[in-house]
Amino acid sequence: TLSGLLASAAGLFLTFITYSGEASAANGSTYTLYSIAAVVLGGVSLFGGSGSAVGAIFGALMFRTIGDLLFVFNVEPLWQPLFQGLVLFAAVCLGTARLLRIRNRLDLYG
């Protein structure tokens, strides 16, 4: 299937980037967090029901751009995850506020 093909291509790219074929938890957890963060930045709700593939792609580009800009502005590497986490936290807060506003509007009319 297309999903399996893309997953194998992603695995090969990860092998090329890390120069290792070792499947360790240390490598996987970092990339899992980044992928979830990129999707949330793209507008996909953590509660389900909303979002698109195009938004997820733009979220990944935005998350990568944030990391690159922090590098360009000579932010210490130890501080970069903090700033990325703050951006992710803001995105989750905005998504949750939007969900609560919709839920309150439905409760008002329901």
PDB file of N, CA and C in Angstrom:
ATOM      1  N   THR A   1       0.840  -1.186   0.000  1.00  0.00           N
ATOM      2  CA  THR A   1       0.000   0.000   0.000  1.00  0.00           C
ATOM      3  C   THR A   1       0.879   1.241   0.000  1.00  0.00           C
ATOM      4  N   LEU A   2       0.246   2.352  -0.263  1.00  0.00           N
ATOM      5  CA  LEU A   2       0.965   3.625  -0.295  1.00  0.00           C
ATOM      6  C   LEU A   2       1.516   3.974   1.081  1.00  0.00           C
ATOM      7  N   SER A   3       0.766   3.665   2.108  1.00  0.00           N
ATOM      8  CA  SER A   3       1.207   3.936   3.479  1.00  0.00           C
ATOM      9  C   SER A   3       2.487   3.167   3.804  1.00  0.00           C
ATOM     10  N   GLY A   4       2.544   1.896   3.451  1.00  0.00           N
ATOM     11  CA  GLY A   4       3.736   1.091   3.698  1.00  0.00           C
ATOM     12  C   GLY A   4       4.931   1.584   2.911  1.00  0.00           C
ATOM     13  N   LEU A   5       4.693   2.006   1.671  1.00  0.00           N
ATOM     14  CA  LEU A   5       5.771   2.536   0.837  1.00  0.00           C
ATOM     15  C   LEU A   5       6.357   3.799   1.449  1.00  0.00           C
ATOM     16  N   LEU A   6       5.489   4.701   1.895  1.00  0.00           N
ATOM     17  CA  LEU A   6       5.971   5.945   2.491  1.00  0.00           C
ATOM     18  C   LEU A   6       6.670   5.700   3.828  1.00  0.00           C
ATOM     19  N   ALA A   7       6.174   4.738   4.610  1.00  0.00           N
ATOM     20  CA  ALA A   7       6.825   4.410   5.880  1.00  0.00           C
ATOM     21  C   ALA A   7       8.221   3.835   5.644  1.00  0.00           C
ATOM     22  N   SER A   8       8.366   2.984   4.644  1.00  0.00           N
ATOM     23  CA  SER A   8       9.692   2.432   4.350  1.00  0.00           C
ATOM     24  C   SER A   8      10.629   3.510   3.814  1.00  0.00           C
ATOM     25  N   ALA A   9      10.105   4.432   3.004  1.00  0.00           N
ATOM     26  CA  ALA A   9      10.935   5.536   2.515  1.00  0.00           C
ATOM     27  C   ALA A   9      11.385   6.419   3.676  1.00  0.00           C
ATOM     28  N   ALA A  10      10.486   6.672   4.626  1.00  0.00           N
ATOM     29  CA  ALA A  10      10.856   7.476   5.800  1.00  0.00           C
ATOM     30  C   ALA A  10      11.918   6.763   6.624  1.00  0.00           C
ATOM     31  N   GLY A  11      11.809   5.443   6.762  1.00  0.00           N
ATOM     32  CA  GLY A  11      12.818   4.681   7.488  1.00  0.00           C
ATOM     33  C   GLY A  11      14.173   4.745   6.812  1.00  0.00           C
ATOM     34  N   LEU A  12      14.185   4.670   5.490  1.00  0.00           N
ATOM     35  CA  LEU A  12      15.453   4.779   4.762  1.00  0.00           C
ATOM     36  C   LEU A  12      16.061   6.164   4.919  1.00  0.00           C
ATOM     37  N   PHE A  13      15.237   7.205   4.824  1.00  0.00           N
ATOM     38  CA  PHE A  13      15.752   8.560   5.007  1.00  0.00           C
ATOM     39  C   PHE A  13      16.314   8.749   6.411  1.00  0.00           C
ATOM     40  N   LEU A  14      15.639   8.196   7.417  1.00  0.00           N
ATOM     41  CA  LEU A  14      16.136   8.298   8.789  1.00  0.00           C
ATOM     42  C   LEU A  14      17.472   7.574   8.933  1.00  0.00           C
ATOM     43  N   THR A  15      17.606   6.443   8.265  1.00  0.00           N
ATOM     44  CA  THR A  15      18.874   5.714   8.289  1.00  0.00           C
ATOM     45  C   THR A  15      19.984   6.539   7.652  1.00  0.00           C
ATOM     46  N   PHE A  16      19.685   7.215   6.546  1.00  0.00           N
ATOM     47  CA  PHE A  16      20.688   8.038   5.879  1.00  0.00           C
ATOM     48  C   PHE A  16      21.065   9.249   6.724  1.00  0.00           C
ATOM     49  N   ILE A  17      20.096   9.838   7.403  1.00  0.00           N
ATOM     50  CA  ILE A  17      20.364  11.038   8.194  1.00  0.00           C
ATOM     51  C   ILE A  17      21.185  10.711   9.435  1.00  0.00           C
ATOM     52  N   THR A  18      20.842   9.628  10.122  1.00  0.00           N
ATOM     53  CA  THR A  18      21.517   9.288  11.378  1.00  0.00           C
ATOM     54  C   THR A  18      22.763   8.435  11.169  1.00  0.00           C
ATOM     55  N   TYR A  19      23.012   7.997   9.950  1.00  0.00           N
ATOM     56  CA  TYR A  19      24.150   7.130   9.630  1.00  0.00           C
ATOM     57  C   TYR A  19      24.138   5.859  10.472  1.00  0.00           C
ATOM     58  N   SER A  20      22.960   5.386  10.800  1.00  0.00           N
ATOM     59  CA  SER A  20      22.854   4.203  11.643  1.00  0.00           C
ATOM     60  C   SER A  20      21.561   3.474  11.330  1.00  0.00           C
ATOM     61  N   GLY A  21      21.627   2.154  11.365  1.00  0.00           N
ATOM     62  CA  GLY A  21      20.425   1.354  11.186  1.00  0.00           C
ATOM     63  C   GLY A  21      19.864   0.859  12.500  1.00  0.00           C
ATOM     64  N   GLU A  22      20.419   1.371  13.600  1.00  0.00           N
ATOM     65  CA  GLU A  22      19.999   0.929  14.926  1.00  0.00           C
ATOM     66  C   GLU A  22      18.648   1.546  15.289  1.00  0.00           C
ATOM     67  N   ALA A  23      17.743   0.704  15.711  1.00  0.00           N
ATOM     68  CA  ALA A  23      16.423   1.184  16.125  1.00  0.00           C
ATOM     69  C   ALA A  23      16.409   1.324  17.635  1.00  0.00           C
ATOM     70  N   SER A  24      16.854   2.467  18.115  1.00  0.00           N
ATOM     71  CA  SER A  24      16.894   2.680  19.562  1.00  0.00           C
ATOM     72  C   SER A  24      15.763   3.606  19.982  1.00  0.00           C
ATOM     73  N   ALA A  25      15.381   3.508  21.229  1.00  0.00           N
ATOM     74  CA  ALA A  25      14.295   4.337  21.748  1.00  0.00           C
ATOM     75  C   ALA A  25      14.696   5.806  21.794  1.00  0.00           C
ATOM     76  N   ALA A  26      15.975   6.082  21.958  1.00  0.00           N
ATOM     77  CA  ALA A  26      16.425   7.472  22.040  1.00  0.00           C
ATOM     78  C   ALA A  26      16.178   8.202  20.726  1.00  0.00           C
ATOM     79  N   ASN A  27      16.433   7.556  19.604  1.00  0.00           N
ATOM     80  CA  ASN A  27      16.194   8.188  18.312  1.00  0.00           C
ATOM     81  C   ASN A  27      14.709   8.306  18.015  1.00  0.00           C
ATOM     82  N   GLY A  28      13.971   7.272  18.288  1.00  0.00           N
ATOM     83  CA  GLY A  28      12.562   7.246  17.930  1.00  0.00           C
ATOM     84  C   GLY A  28      11.711   8.225  18.700  1.00  0.00           C
ATOM     85  N   SER A  29      11.968   8.388  19.989  1.00  0.00           N
ATOM     86  CA  SER A  29      11.129   9.274  20.792  1.00  0.00           C
ATOM     87  C   SER A  29      11.289  10.727  20.372  1.00  0.00           C
ATOM     88  N   THR A  30      12.484  11.116  19.978  1.00  0.00           N
ATOM     89  CA  THR A  30      12.709  12.489  19.534  1.00  0.00           C
ATOM     90  C   THR A  30      11.931  12.773  18.261  1.00  0.00           C
ATOM     91  N   TYR A  31      12.000  11.869  17.309  1.00  0.00           N
ATOM     92  CA  TYR A  31      11.301  12.090  16.050  1.00  0.00           C
ATOM     93  C   TYR A  31       9.796  11.981  16.215  1.00  0.00           C
ATOM     94  N   THR A  32       9.337  11.166  17.154  1.00  0.00           N
ATOM     95  CA  THR A  32       7.905  11.079  17.412  1.00  0.00           C
ATOM     96  C   THR A  32       7.386  12.397  17.954  1.00  0.00           C
ATOM     97  N   LEU A  33       8.100  12.996  18.896  1.00  0.00           N
ATOM     98  CA  LEU A  33       7.684  14.280  19.452  1.00  0.00           C
ATOM     99  C   LEU A  33       7.662  15.350  18.372  1.00  0.00           C
ATOM    100  N   TYR A  34       8.683  15.391  17.537  1.00  0.00           N
ATOM    101  CA  TYR A  34       8.733  16.392  16.475  1.00  0.00           C
ATOM    102  C   TYR A  34       7.595  16.208  15.476  1.00  0.00           C
ATOM    103  N   SER A  35       7.276  14.974  15.151  1.00  0.00           N
ATOM    104  CA  SER A  35       6.206  14.751  14.176  1.00  0.00           C
ATOM    105  C   SER A  35       4.846  15.132  14.750  1.00  0.00           C
ATOM    106  N   ILE A  36       4.601  14.826  16.019  1.00  0.00           N
ATOM    107  CA  ILE A  36       3.333  15.229  16.634  1.00  0.00           C
ATOM    108  C   ILE A  36       3.262  16.747  16.746  1.00  0.00           C
ATOM    109  N   ALA A  37       4.363  17.375  17.113  1.00  0.00           N
ATOM    110  CA  ALA A  37       4.389  18.829  17.222  1.00  0.00           C
ATOM    111  C   ALA A  37       4.124  19.489  15.874  1.00  0.00           C
ATOM    112  N   ALA A  38       4.698  18.960  14.821  1.00  0.00           N
ATOM    113  CA  ALA A  38       4.487  19.532  13.493  1.00  0.00           C
ATOM    114  C   ALA A  38       3.034  19.415  13.068  1.00  0.00           C
ATOM    115  N   VAL A  39       2.411  18.302  13.361  1.00  0.00           N
ATOM    116  CA  VAL A  39       1.013  18.105  12.986  1.00  0.00           C
ATOM    117  C   VAL A  39       0.109  19.045  13.780  1.00  0.00           C
ATOM    118  N   VAL A  40       0.405  19.226  15.063  1.00  0.00           N
ATOM    119  CA  VAL A  40      -0.401  20.140  15.883  1.00  0.00           C
ATOM    120  C   VAL A  40      -0.230  21.574  15.396  1.00  0.00           C
ATOM    121  N   LEU A  41       0.988  21.966  15.037  1.00  0.00           N
ATOM    122  CA  LEU A  41       1.202  23.303  14.487  1.00  0.00           C
ATOM    123  C   LEU A  41       0.469  23.492  13.168  1.00  0.00           C
ATOM    124  N   GLY A  42       0.244  22.409  12.454  1.00  0.00           N
ATOM    125  CA  GLY A  42      -0.472  22.478  11.190  1.00  0.00           C
ATOM    126  C   GLY A  42      -1.976  22.590  11.334  1.00  0.00           C
ATOM    127  N   GLY A  43      -2.472  22.561  12.556  1.00  0.00           N
ATOM    128  CA  GLY A  43      -3.894  22.773  12.769  1.00  0.00           C
ATOM    129  C   GLY A  43      -4.703  21.527  13.055  1.00  0.00           C
ATOM    130  N   VAL A  44      -4.049  20.388  13.195  1.00  0.00           N
ATOM    131  CA  VAL A  44      -4.770  19.159  13.518  1.00  0.00           C
ATOM    132  C   VAL A  44      -5.056  19.163  15.017  1.00  0.00           C
ATOM    133  N   SER A  45      -6.302  18.899  15.378  1.00  0.00           N
ATOM    134  CA  SER A  45      -6.702  18.915  16.778  1.00  0.00           C
ATOM    135  C   SER A  45      -6.224  17.651  17.479  1.00  0.00           C
ATOM    136  N   LEU A  46      -5.731  17.809  18.700  1.00  0.00           N
ATOM    137  CA  LEU A  46      -5.345  16.646  19.496  1.00  0.00           C
ATOM    138  C   LEU A  46      -6.562  15.846  19.939  1.00  0.00           C
ATOM    139  N   PHE A  47      -7.731  16.467  19.872  1.00  0.00           N
ATOM    140  CA  PHE A  47      -8.963  15.811  20.280  1.00  0.00           C
ATOM    141  C   PHE A  47      -9.647  15.102  19.118  1.00  0.00           C
ATOM    142  N   GLY A  48      -9.104  15.231  17.920  1.00  0.00           N
ATOM    143  CA  GLY A  48      -9.645  14.554  16.746  1.00  0.00           C
ATOM    144  C   GLY A  48     -10.714  15.365  16.045  1.00  0.00           C
ATOM    145  N   GLY A  49     -11.015  14.956  14.830  1.00  0.00           N
ATOM    146  CA  GLY A  49     -12.124  15.536  14.092  1.00  0.00           C
ATOM    147  C   GLY A  49     -11.805  16.708  13.202  1.00  0.00           C
ATOM    148  N   SER A  50     -10.627  17.280  13.283  1.00  0.00           N
ATOM    149  CA  SER A  50     -10.322  18.408  12.405  1.00  0.00           C
ATOM    150  C   SER A  50      -8.853  18.357  12.003  1.00  0.00           C
ATOM    151  N   GLY A  51      -8.573  18.920  10.849  1.00  0.00           N
ATOM    152  CA  GLY A  51      -7.215  18.959  10.341  1.00  0.00           C
ATOM    153  C   GLY A  51      -7.144  18.403   8.934  1.00  0.00           C
ATOM    154  N   SER A  52      -6.024  18.656   8.283  1.00  0.00           N
ATOM    155  CA  SER A  52      -5.840  18.176   6.916  1.00  0.00           C
ATOM    156  C   SER A  52      -4.377  17.812   6.700  1.00  0.00           C
ATOM    157  N   ALA A  53      -4.136  17.063   5.658  1.00  0.00           N
ATOM    158  CA  ALA A  53      -2.768  16.669   5.326  1.00  0.00           C
ATOM    159  C   ALA A  53      -1.945  17.879   4.899  1.00  0.00           C
ATOM    160  N   VAL A  54      -2.574  18.802   4.184  1.00  0.00           N
ATOM    161  CA  VAL A  54      -1.865  20.007   3.750  1.00  0.00           C
ATOM    162  C   VAL A  54      -1.456  20.837   4.962  1.00  0.00           C
ATOM    163  N   GLY A  55      -2.358  20.954   5.944  1.00  0.00           N
ATOM    164  CA  GLY A  55      -2.022  21.673   7.169  1.00  0.00           C
ATOM    165  C   GLY A  55      -0.885  21.010   7.918  1.00  0.00           C
ATOM    166  N   ALA A  56      -0.873  19.683   7.939  1.00  0.00           N
ATOM    167  CA  ALA A  56       0.201  18.956   8.613  1.00  0.00           C
ATOM    168  C   ALA A  56       1.539  19.195   7.918  1.00  0.00           C
ATOM    169  N   ILE A  57       1.535  19.249   6.600  1.00  0.00           N
ATOM    170  CA  ILE A  57       2.770  19.523   5.856  1.00  0.00           C
ATOM    171  C   ILE A  57       3.267  20.931   6.152  1.00  0.00           C
ATOM    172  N   PHE A  58       2.350  21.907   6.157  1.00  0.00           N
ATOM    173  CA  PHE A  58       2.754  23.275   6.482  1.00  0.00           C
ATOM    174  C   PHE A  58       3.217  23.389   7.932  1.00  0.00           C
ATOM    175  N   GLY A  59       2.617  22.612   8.819  1.00  0.00           N
ATOM    176  CA  GLY A  59       3.067  22.590  10.209  1.00  0.00           C
ATOM    177  C   GLY A  59       4.480  22.061  10.325  1.00  0.00           C
ATOM    178  N   ALA A  60       4.798  21.017   9.560  1.00  0.00           N
ATOM    179  CA  ALA A  60       6.160  20.474   9.564  1.00  0.00           C
ATOM    180  C   ALA A  60       7.155  21.503   9.026  1.00  0.00           C
ATOM    181  N   LEU A  61       6.773  22.195   7.967  1.00  0.00           N
ATOM    182  CA  LEU A  61       7.653  23.239   7.423  1.00  0.00           C
ATOM    183  C   LEU A  61       7.841  24.369   8.429  1.00  0.00           C
ATOM    184  N   MET A  62       6.757  24.743   9.114  1.00  0.00           N
ATOM    185  CA  MET A  62       6.839  25.814  10.098  1.00  0.00           C
ATOM    186  C   MET A  62       7.714  25.402  11.283  1.00  0.00           C
ATOM    187  N   PHE A  63       7.555  24.166  11.743  1.00  0.00           N
ATOM    188  CA  PHE A  63       8.348  23.693  12.880  1.00  0.00           C
ATOM    189  C   PHE A  63       9.828  23.646  12.520  1.00  0.00           C
ATOM    190  N   ARG A  64      10.130  23.222  11.312  1.00  0.00           N
ATOM    191  CA  ARG A  64      11.523  23.174  10.866  1.00  0.00           C
ATOM    192  C   ARG A  64      12.085  24.586  10.700  1.00  0.00           C
ATOM    193  N   THR A  65      11.261  25.505  10.200  1.00  0.00           N
ATOM    194  CA  THR A  65      11.691  26.883  10.017  1.00  0.00           C
ATOM    195  C   THR A  65      12.010  27.536  11.356  1.00  0.00           C
ATOM    196  N   ILE A  66      11.216  27.230  12.375  1.00  0.00           N
ATOM    197  CA  ILE A  66      11.486  27.772  13.710  1.00  0.00           C
ATOM    198  C   ILE A  66      12.862  27.310  14.188  1.00  0.00           C
ATOM    199  N   GLY A  67      13.160  26.032  14.018  1.00  0.00           N
ATOM    200  CA  GLY A  67      14.474  25.515  14.408  1.00  0.00           C
ATOM    201  C   GLY A  67      15.604  26.164  13.631  1.00  0.00           C
ATOM    202  N   ASP A  68      15.396  26.373  12.340  1.00  0.00           N
ATOM    203  CA  ASP A  68      16.430  27.004  11.520  1.00  0.00           C
ATOM    204  C   ASP A  68      16.639  28.468  11.907  1.00  0.00           C
ATOM    205  N   LEU A  69      15.542  29.178  12.204  1.00  0.00           N
ATOM    206  CA  LEU A  69      15.671  30.579  12.608  1.00  0.00           C
ATOM    207  C   LEU A  69      16.393  30.712  13.946  1.00  0.00           C
ATOM    208  N   LEU A  70      16.134  29.795  14.845  1.00  0.00           N
ATOM    209  CA  LEU A  70      16.850  29.827  16.117  1.00  0.00           C
ATOM    210  C   LEU A  70      18.344  29.608  15.903  1.00  0.00           C
ATOM    211  N   PHE A  71      18.697  28.766  14.950  1.00  0.00           N
ATOM    212  CA  PHE A  71      20.106  28.550  14.617  1.00  0.00           C
ATOM    213  C   PHE A  71      20.708  29.806  13.995  1.00  0.00           C
ATOM    214  N   VAL A  72      19.963  30.452  13.098  1.00  0.00           N
ATOM    215  CA  VAL A  72      20.457  31.653  12.426  1.00  0.00           C
ATOM    216  C   VAL A  72      20.694  32.781  13.431  1.00  0.00           C
ATOM    217  N   PHE A  73      19.813  32.896  14.423  1.00  0.00           N
ATOM    218  CA  PHE A  73      19.947  33.950  15.427  1.00  0.00           C
ATOM    219  C   PHE A  73      20.885  33.563  16.571  1.00  0.00           C
ATOM    220  N   ASN A  74      21.664  32.516  16.374  1.00  0.00           N
ATOM    221  CA  ASN A  74      22.687  32.065  17.324  1.00  0.00           C
ATOM    222  C   ASN A  74      22.137  31.781  18.719  1.00  0.00           C
ATOM    223  N   VAL A  75      20.958  31.207  18.778  1.00  0.00           N
ATOM    224  CA  VAL A  75      20.414  30.767  20.059  1.00  0.00           C
ATOM    225  C   VAL A  75      21.163  29.497  20.453  1.00  0.00           C
ATOM    226  N   GLU A  76      21.546  29.415  21.709  1.00  0.00           N
ATOM    227  CA  GLU A  76      22.282  28.246  22.190  1.00  0.00           C
ATOM    228  C   GLU A  76      21.487  26.968  21.916  1.00  0.00           C
ATOM    229  N   PRO A  77      22.151  25.903  21.504  1.00  0.00           N
ATOM    230  CA  PRO A  77      21.439  24.652  21.199  1.00  0.00           C
ATOM    231  C   PRO A  77      20.639  24.090  22.371  1.00  0.00           C
ATOM    232  N   LEU A  78      21.060  24.363  23.590  1.00  0.00           N
ATOM    233  CA  LEU A  78      20.312  23.870  24.743  1.00  0.00           C
ATOM    234  C   LEU A  78      18.989  24.610  24.929  1.00  0.00           C
ATOM    235  N   TRP A  79      18.875  25.829  24.401  1.00  0.00           N
ATOM    236  CA  TRP A  79      17.655  26.614  24.544  1.00  0.00           C
ATOM    237  C   TRP A  79      16.670  26.384  23.404  1.00  0.00           C
ATOM    238  N   GLN A  80      17.119  25.821  22.304  1.00  0.00           N
ATOM    239  CA  GLN A  80      16.247  25.654  21.143  1.00  0.00           C
ATOM    240  C   GLN A  80      15.026  24.787  21.427  1.00  0.00           C
ATOM    241  N   PRO A  81      15.146  23.641  22.119  1.00  0.00           N
ATOM    242  CA  PRO A  81      13.929  22.870  22.421  1.00  0.00           C
ATOM    243  C   PRO A  81      12.940  23.632  23.301  1.00  0.00           C
ATOM    244  N   LEU A  82      13.442  24.520  24.157  1.00  0.00           N
ATOM    245  CA  LEU A  82      12.547  25.320  24.989  1.00  0.00           C
ATOM    246  C   LEU A  82      11.683  26.226  24.124  1.00  0.00           C
ATOM    247  N   PHE A  83      12.296  26.924  23.178  1.00  0.00           N
ATOM    248  CA  PHE A  83      11.532  27.813  22.313  1.00  0.00           C
ATOM    249  C   PHE A  83      10.566  27.031  21.423  1.00  0.00           C
ATOM    250  N   GLN A  84      11.013  25.894  20.917  1.00  0.00           N
ATOM    251  CA  GLN A  84      10.112  25.062  20.120  1.00  0.00           C
ATOM    252  C   GLN A  84       8.960  24.551  20.974  1.00  0.00           C
ATOM    253  N   GLY A  85       9.236  24.208  22.213  1.00  0.00           N
ATOM    254  CA  GLY A  85       8.181  23.767  23.120  1.00  0.00           C
ATOM    255  C   GLY A  85       7.198  24.872  23.440  1.00  0.00           C
ATOM    256  N   LEU A  86       7.693  26.102  23.584  1.00  0.00           N
ATOM    257  CA  LEU A  86       6.792  27.223  23.835  1.00  0.00           C
ATOM    258  C   LEU A  86       5.868  27.475  22.649  1.00  0.00           C
ATOM    259  N   VAL A  87       6.402  27.362  21.448  1.00  0.00           N
ATOM    260  CA  VAL A  87       5.561  27.519  20.257  1.00  0.00           C
ATOM    261  C   VAL A  87       4.522  26.404  20.200  1.00  0.00           C
ATOM    262  N   LEU A  88       4.929  25.190  20.505  1.00  0.00           N
ATOM    263  CA  LEU A  88       3.986  24.068  20.527  1.00  0.00           C
ATOM    264  C   LEU A  88       2.928  24.272  21.604  1.00  0.00           C
ATOM    265  N   PHE A  89       3.333  24.731  22.782  1.00  0.00           N
ATOM    266  CA  PHE A  89       2.387  24.988  23.869  1.00  0.00           C
ATOM    267  C   PHE A  89       1.369  26.048  23.465  1.00  0.00           C
ATOM    268  N   ALA A  90       1.840  27.103  22.796  1.00  0.00           N
ATOM    269  CA  ALA A  90       0.922  28.145  22.331  1.00  0.00           C
ATOM    270  C   ALA A  90      -0.062  27.585  21.304  1.00  0.00           C
ATOM    271  N   ALA A  91       0.411  26.724  20.411  1.00  0.00           N
ATOM    272  CA  ALA A  91      -0.482  26.135  19.406  1.00  0.00           C
ATOM    273  C   ALA A  91      -1.532  25.247  20.058  1.00  0.00           C
ATOM    274  N   VAL A  92      -1.135  24.472  21.054  1.00  0.00           N
ATOM    275  CA  VAL A  92      -2.097  23.613  21.755  1.00  0.00           C
ATOM    276  C   VAL A  92      -3.103  24.463  22.520  1.00  0.00           C
ATOM    277  N   CYS A  93      -2.639  25.536  23.156  1.00  0.00           N
ATOM    278  CA  CYS A  93      -3.553  26.418  23.889  1.00  0.00           C
ATOM    279  C   CYS A  93      -4.558  27.077  22.954  1.00  0.00           C
ATOM    280  N   LEU A  94      -4.105  27.523  21.795  1.00  0.00           N
ATOM    281  CA  LEU A  94      -5.032  28.128  20.837  1.00  0.00           C
ATOM    282  C   LEU A  94      -6.045  27.114  20.329  1.00  0.00           C
ATOM    283  N   GLY A  95      -5.600  25.905  20.055  1.00  0.00           N
ATOM    284  CA  GLY A  95      -6.521  24.866  19.601  1.00  0.00           C
ATOM    285  C   GLY A  95      -7.536  24.493  20.663  1.00  0.00           C
ATOM    286  N   THR A  96      -7.095  24.429  21.908  1.00  0.00           N
ATOM    287  CA  THR A  96      -8.003  24.106  23.003  1.00  0.00           C
ATOM    288  C   THR A  96      -8.997  25.232  23.234  1.00  0.00           C
ATOM    289  N   ALA A  97      -8.533  26.480  23.158  1.00  0.00           N
ATOM    290  CA  ALA A  97      -9.443  27.616  23.317  1.00  0.00           C
ATOM    291  C   ALA A  97     -10.495  27.625  22.216  1.00  0.00           C
ATOM    292  N   ARG A  98     -10.086  27.304  20.997  1.00  0.00           N
ATOM    293  CA  ARG A  98     -11.049  27.242  19.892  1.00  0.00           C
ATOM    294  C   ARG A  98     -12.073  26.142  20.125  1.00  0.00           C
ATOM    295  N   LEU A  99     -11.613  24.994  20.606  1.00  0.00           N
ATOM    296  CA  LEU A  99     -12.523  23.885  20.885  1.00  0.00           C
ATOM    297  C   LEU A  99     -13.500  24.235  22.003  1.00  0.00           C
ATOM    298  N   LEU A 100     -13.018  24.882  23.054  1.00  0.00           N
ATOM    299  CA  LEU A 100     -13.900  25.276  24.153  1.00  0.00           C
ATOM    300  C   LEU A 100     -14.918  26.319  23.709  1.00  0.00           C
ATOM    301  N   ARG A 101     -14.506  27.237  22.847  1.00  0.00           N
ATOM    302  CA  ARG A 101     -15.431  28.248  22.335  1.00  0.00           C
ATOM    303  C   ARG A 101     -16.535  27.596  21.516  1.00  0.00           C
ATOM    304  N   ILE A 102     -16.174  26.624  20.695  1.00  0.00           N
ATOM    305  CA  ILE A 102     -17.186  25.913  19.900  1.00  0.00           C
ATOM    306  C   ILE A 102     -18.100  25.109  20.807  1.00  0.00           C
ATOM    307  N   ARG A 103     -17.531  24.450  21.802  1.00  0.00           N
ATOM    308  CA  ARG A 103     -18.354  23.651  22.715  1.00  0.00           C
ATOM    309  C   ARG A 103     -19.321  24.526  23.511  1.00  0.00           C
ATOM    310  N   ASN A 104     -18.851  25.686  23.966  1.00  0.00           N
ATOM    311  CA  ASN A 104     -19.731  26.597  24.694  1.00  0.00           C
ATOM    312  C   ASN A 104     -20.836  27.137  23.798  1.00  0.00           C
ATOM    313  N   ARG A 105     -20.521  27.386  22.544  1.00  0.00           N
ATOM    314  CA  ARG A 105     -21.537  27.858  21.604  1.00  0.00           C
ATOM    315  C   ARG A 105     -22.590  26.774  21.376  1.00  0.00           C
ATOM    316  N   LEU A 106     -22.156  25.524  21.277  1.00  0.00           N
ATOM    317  CA  LEU A 106     -23.112  24.428  21.107  1.00  0.00           C
ATOM    318  C   LEU A 106     -23.955  24.228  22.361  1.00  0.00           C
ATOM    319  N   ASP A 107     -23.359  24.400  23.543  1.00  0.00           N
ATOM    320  CA  ASP A 107     -24.124  24.282  24.783  1.00  0.00           C
ATOM    321  C   ASP A 107     -25.154  25.391  24.904  1.00  0.00           C
ATOM    322  N   LEU A 108     -24.832  26.564  24.375  1.00  0.00           N
ATOM    323  CA  LEU A 108     -25.749  27.692  24.434  1.00  0.00           C
ATOM    324  C   LEU A 108     -27.000  27.423  23.614  1.00  0.00           C
ATOM    325  N   TYR A 109     -26.830  26.799  22.444  1.00  0.00           N
ATOM    326  CA  TYR A 109     -27.971  26.529  21.569  1.00  0.00           C
ATOM    327  C   TYR A 109     -28.589  25.160  21.809  1.00  0.00           C
ATOM    328  N   GLY A 110     -27.943  24.296  22.578  1.00  0.00           N
ATOM    329  CA  GLY A 110     -28.421  22.931  22.757  1.00  0.00           C
ATOM    330  C   GLY A 110     -29.201  22.751  23.952  1.00  0.00           C
TER     331      GLY A 110
END
